Amino acid sequence: MTALLFLIPVALGMGLIGLAAFFWSMKTGQFDDPQGSAERILHDEDRPL
């Protein structure tokens, strides 16, 4: 029982840190890819050898 008193706050803290990192990356534009979608149609990945 005492282990749960330690592990539950640690798990919640790690989850909050991960959520904060995700929101920070969204705010700073880490997931923005304006050229990727536009150029992806031009690449032929199914080209025969």
PDB file of N, CA and C in Angstrom:
ATOM      1  N   MET A   1       0.816  -1.194   0.000  1.00  0.00           N
ATOM      2  CA  MET A   1       0.000   0.000   0.000  1.00  0.00           C
ATOM      3  C   MET A   1       0.864   1.264   0.000  1.00  0.00           C
ATOM      4  N   THR A   2       1.974   1.209   0.710  1.00  0.00           N
ATOM      5  CA  THR A   2       2.832   2.396   0.743  1.00  0.00           C
ATOM      6  C   THR A   2       3.499   2.639  -0.606  1.00  0.00           C
ATOM      7  N   ALA A   3       3.679   1.568  -1.379  1.00  0.00           N
ATOM      8  CA  ALA A   3       4.259   1.753  -2.714  1.00  0.00           C
ATOM      9  C   ALA A   3       3.313   2.538  -3.607  1.00  0.00           C
ATOM     10  N   LEU A   4       2.004   2.293  -3.477  1.00  0.00           N
ATOM     11  CA  LEU A   4       1.028   3.043  -4.266  1.00  0.00           C
ATOM     12  C   LEU A   4       1.017   4.516  -3.905  1.00  0.00           C
ATOM     13  N   LEU A   5       1.252   4.818  -2.653  1.00  0.00           N
ATOM     14  CA  LEU A   5       1.302   6.223  -2.233  1.00  0.00           C
ATOM     15  C   LEU A   5       2.478   6.950  -2.873  1.00  0.00           C
ATOM     16  N   PHE A   6       3.473   6.220  -3.270  1.00  0.00           N
ATOM     17  CA  PHE A   6       4.624   6.806  -3.963  1.00  0.00           C
ATOM     18  C   PHE A   6       4.442   6.769  -5.481  1.00  0.00           C
ATOM     19  N   LEU A   7       3.959   5.637  -6.002  1.00  0.00           N
ATOM     20  CA  LEU A   7       3.913   5.445  -7.444  1.00  0.00           C
ATOM     21  C   LEU A   7       2.813   6.241  -8.137  1.00  0.00           C
ATOM     22  N   ILE A   8       1.674   6.419  -7.500  1.00  0.00           N
ATOM     23  CA  ILE A   8       0.580   7.168  -8.145  1.00  0.00           C
ATOM     24  C   ILE A   8       0.967   8.624  -8.382  1.00  0.00           C
ATOM     25  N   PRO A   9       1.504   9.354  -7.413  1.00  0.00           N
ATOM     26  CA  PRO A   9       1.925  10.739  -7.712  1.00  0.00           C
ATOM     27  C   PRO A   9       3.065  10.809  -8.730  1.00  0.00           C
ATOM     28  N   VAL A  10       3.966   9.842  -8.700  1.00  0.00           N
ATOM     29  CA  VAL A  10       5.050   9.831  -9.677  1.00  0.00           C
ATOM     30  C   VAL A  10       4.481   9.636 -11.090  1.00  0.00           C
ATOM     31  N   ALA A  11       3.534   8.716 -11.244  1.00  0.00           N
ATOM     32  CA  ALA A  11       2.921   8.473 -12.550  1.00  0.00           C
ATOM     33  C   ALA A  11       2.142   9.691 -13.027  1.00  0.00           C
ATOM     34  N   LEU A  12       1.419  10.314 -12.133  1.00  0.00           N
ATOM     35  CA  LEU A  12       0.679  11.526 -12.511  1.00  0.00           C
ATOM     36  C   LEU A  12       1.627  12.661 -12.885  1.00  0.00           C
ATOM     37  N   GLY A  13       2.716  12.792 -12.157  1.00  0.00           N
ATOM     38  CA  GLY A  13       3.700  13.831 -12.480  1.00  0.00           C
ATOM     39  C   GLY A  13       4.347  13.600 -13.832  1.00  0.00           C
ATOM     40  N   MET A  14       4.685  12.346 -14.126  1.00  0.00           N
ATOM     41  CA  MET A  14       5.282  12.045 -15.427  1.00  0.00           C
ATOM     42  C   MET A  14       4.287  12.278 -16.552  1.00  0.00           C
ATOM     43  N   GLY A  15       3.029  11.976 -16.319  1.00  0.00           N
ATOM     44  CA  GLY A  15       1.998  12.247 -17.322  1.00  0.00           C
ATOM     45  C   GLY A  15       1.838  13.733 -17.574  1.00  0.00           C
ATOM     46  N   LEU A  16       1.873  14.528 -16.518  1.00  0.00           N
ATOM     47  CA  LEU A  16       1.767  15.977 -16.682  1.00  0.00           C
ATOM     48  C   LEU A  16       2.981  16.553 -17.398  1.00  0.00           C
ATOM     49  N   ILE A  17       4.148  16.011 -17.128  1.00  0.00           N
ATOM     50  CA  ILE A  17       5.353  16.460 -17.839  1.00  0.00           C
ATOM     51  C   ILE A  17       5.247  16.126 -19.325  1.00  0.00           C
ATOM     52  N   GLY A  18       4.768  14.944 -19.645  1.00  0.00           N
ATOM     53  CA  GLY A  18       4.588  14.563 -21.050  1.00  0.00           C
ATOM     54  C   GLY A  18       3.548  15.425 -21.741  1.00  0.00           C
ATOM     55  N   LEU A  19       2.451  15.722 -21.044  1.00  0.00           N
ATOM     56  CA  LEU A  19       1.418  16.581 -21.614  1.00  0.00           C
ATOM     57  C   LEU A  19       1.940  17.989 -21.838  1.00  0.00           C
ATOM     58  N   ALA A  20       2.717  18.503 -20.888  1.00  0.00           N
ATOM     59  CA  ALA A  20       3.300  19.834 -21.038  1.00  0.00           C
ATOM     60  C   ALA A  20       4.285  19.865 -22.205  1.00  0.00           C
ATOM     61  N   ALA A  21       5.071  18.797 -22.378  1.00  0.00           N
ATOM     62  CA  ALA A  21       6.007  18.742 -23.507  1.00  0.00           C
ATOM     63  C   ALA A  21       5.255  18.694 -24.832  1.00  0.00           C
ATOM     64  N   PHE A  22       4.148  17.978 -24.872  1.00  0.00           N
ATOM     65  CA  PHE A  22       3.348  17.921 -26.099  1.00  0.00           C
ATOM     66  C   PHE A  22       2.780  19.295 -26.438  1.00  0.00           C
ATOM     67  N   PHE A  23       2.200  19.978 -25.455  1.00  0.00           N
ATOM     68  CA  PHE A  23       1.643  21.303 -25.720  1.00  0.00           C
ATOM     69  C   PHE A  23       2.735  22.300 -26.090  1.00  0.00           C
ATOM     70  N   TRP A  24       3.911  22.184 -25.492  1.00  0.00           N
ATOM     71  CA  TRP A  24       5.026  23.065 -25.861  1.00  0.00           C
ATOM     72  C   TRP A  24       5.428  22.833 -27.315  1.00  0.00           C
ATOM     73  N   SER A  25       5.489  21.568 -27.726  1.00  0.00           N
ATOM     74  CA  SER A  25       5.880  21.281 -29.102  1.00  0.00           C
ATOM     75  C   SER A  25       4.820  21.761 -30.086  1.00  0.00           C
ATOM     76  N   MET A  26       3.561  21.693 -29.713  1.00  0.00           N
ATOM     77  CA  MET A  26       2.510  22.226 -30.577  1.00  0.00           C
ATOM     78  C   MET A  26       2.617  23.744 -30.683  1.00  0.00           C
ATOM     79  N   LYS A  27       2.913  24.407 -29.572  1.00  0.00           N
ATOM     80  CA  LYS A  27       2.996  25.865 -29.542  1.00  0.00           C
ATOM     81  C   LYS A  27       4.178  26.380 -30.360  1.00  0.00           C
ATOM     82  N   THR A  28       5.297  25.653 -30.341  1.00  0.00           N
ATOM     83  CA  THR A  28       6.487  26.116 -31.055  1.00  0.00           C
ATOM     84  C   THR A  28       6.536  25.640 -32.501  1.00  0.00           C
ATOM     85  N   GLY A  29       5.520  24.915 -32.950  1.00  0.00           N
ATOM     86  CA  GLY A  29       5.446  24.541 -34.364  1.00  0.00           C
ATOM     87  C   GLY A  29       6.255  23.318 -34.744  1.00  0.00           C
ATOM     88  N   GLN A  30       6.509  22.423 -33.816  1.00  0.00           N
ATOM     89  CA  GLN A  30       7.305  21.238 -34.119  1.00  0.00           C
ATOM     90  C   GLN A  30       6.590  20.291 -35.074  1.00  0.00           C
ATOM     91  N   PHE A  31       5.260  20.333 -35.122  1.00  0.00           N
ATOM     92  CA  PHE A  31       4.509  19.418 -35.965  1.00  0.00           C
ATOM     93  C   PHE A  31       4.076  20.053 -37.280  1.00  0.00           C
ATOM     94  N   ASP A  32       4.479  21.277 -37.533  1.00  0.00           N
ATOM     95  CA  ASP A  32       4.133  21.942 -38.788  1.00  0.00           C
ATOM     96  C   ASP A  32       5.043  21.445 -39.906  1.00  0.00           C
ATOM     97  N   ASP A  33       4.446  21.075 -41.011  1.00  0.00           N
ATOM     98  CA  ASP A  33       5.202  20.595 -42.168  1.00  0.00           C
ATOM     99  C   ASP A  33       4.526  21.118 -43.431  1.00  0.00           C
ATOM    100  N   PRO A  34       4.733  22.398 -43.753  1.00  0.00           N
ATOM    101  CA  PRO A  34       4.021  22.963 -44.897  1.00  0.00           C
ATOM    102  C   PRO A  34       4.479  22.399 -46.241  1.00  0.00           C
ATOM    103  N   GLN A  35       5.721  21.977 -46.374  1.00  0.00           N
ATOM    104  CA  GLN A  35       6.213  21.473 -47.650  1.00  0.00           C
ATOM    105  C   GLN A  35       6.034  19.967 -47.803  1.00  0.00           C
ATOM    106  N   GLY A  36       5.979  19.238 -46.734  1.00  0.00           N
ATOM    107  CA  GLY A  36       5.931  17.782 -46.793  1.00  0.00           C
ATOM    108  C   GLY A  36       4.734  17.247 -47.548  1.00  0.00           C
ATOM    109  N   SER A  37       3.558  17.751 -47.244  1.00  0.00           N
ATOM    110  CA  SER A  37       2.356  17.261 -47.910  1.00  0.00           C
ATOM    111  C   SER A  37       2.332  17.681 -49.371  1.00  0.00           C
ATOM    112  N   ALA A  38       2.842  18.859 -49.671  1.00  0.00           N
ATOM    113  CA  ALA A  38       2.831  19.333 -51.042  1.00  0.00           C
ATOM    114  C   ALA A  38       3.800  18.545 -51.915  1.00  0.00           C
ATOM    115  N   GLU A  39       4.917  18.123 -51.379  1.00  0.00           N
ATOM    116  CA  GLU A  39       5.918  17.407 -52.173  1.00  0.00           C
ATOM    117  C   GLU A  39       5.756  15.893 -52.115  1.00  0.00           C
ATOM    118  N   ARG A  40       4.996  15.375 -51.200  1.00  0.00           N
ATOM    119  CA  ARG A  40       4.840  13.929 -51.052  1.00  0.00           C
ATOM    120  C   ARG A  40       4.188  13.308 -52.285  1.00  0.00           C
ATOM    121  N   ILE A  41       3.298  14.045 -52.935  1.00  0.00           N
ATOM    122  CA  ILE A  41       2.611  13.523 -54.111  1.00  0.00           C
ATOM    123  C   ILE A  41       3.570  13.347 -55.286  1.00  0.00           C
ATOM    124  N   LEU A  42       4.696  14.053 -55.288  1.00  0.00           N
ATOM    125  CA  LEU A  42       5.639  14.002 -56.401  1.00  0.00           C
ATOM    126  C   LEU A  42       6.602  12.826 -56.330  1.00  0.00           C
ATOM    127  N   HIS A  43       6.750  12.212 -55.181  1.00  0.00           N
ATOM    128  CA  HIS A  43       7.702  11.119 -55.003  1.00  0.00           C
ATOM    129  C   HIS A  43       7.048   9.782 -55.327  1.00  0.00           C
ATOM    130  N   ASP A  44       7.659   9.041 -56.220  1.00  0.00           N
ATOM    131  CA  ASP A  44       7.139   7.738 -56.613  1.00  0.00           C
ATOM    132  C   ASP A  44       7.877   6.657 -55.830  1.00  0.00           C
ATOM    133  N   GLU A  45       7.259   6.185 -54.759  1.00  0.00           N
ATOM    134  CA  GLU A  45       7.893   5.175 -53.915  1.00  0.00           C
ATOM    135  C   GLU A  45       7.612   3.763 -54.394  1.00  0.00           C
ATOM    136  N   ASP A  46       6.651   3.585 -55.292  1.00  0.00           N
ATOM    137  CA  ASP A  46       6.300   2.266 -55.807  1.00  0.00           C
ATOM    138  C   ASP A  46       6.981   1.985 -57.149  1.00  0.00           C
ATOM    139  N   ARG A  47       8.079   2.630 -57.386  1.00  0.00           N
ATOM    140  CA  ARG A  47       8.816   2.504 -58.631  1.00  0.00           C
ATOM    141  C   ARG A  47       9.408   1.096 -58.756  1.00  0.00           C
ATOM    142  N   PRO A  48       9.220   0.414 -59.877  1.00  0.00           N
ATOM    143  CA  PRO A  48       9.833  -0.924 -60.038  1.00  0.00           C
ATOM    144  C   PRO A  48      11.349  -0.827 -60.184  1.00  0.00           C
ATOM    145  N   LEU A  49      12.032  -1.835 -59.684  1.00  0.00           N
ATOM    146  CA  LEU A  49      13.502  -1.851 -59.765  1.00  0.00           C
ATOM    147  C   LEU A  49      13.915  -2.357 -61.069  1.00  0.00           C
TER     148      LEU A  49
END
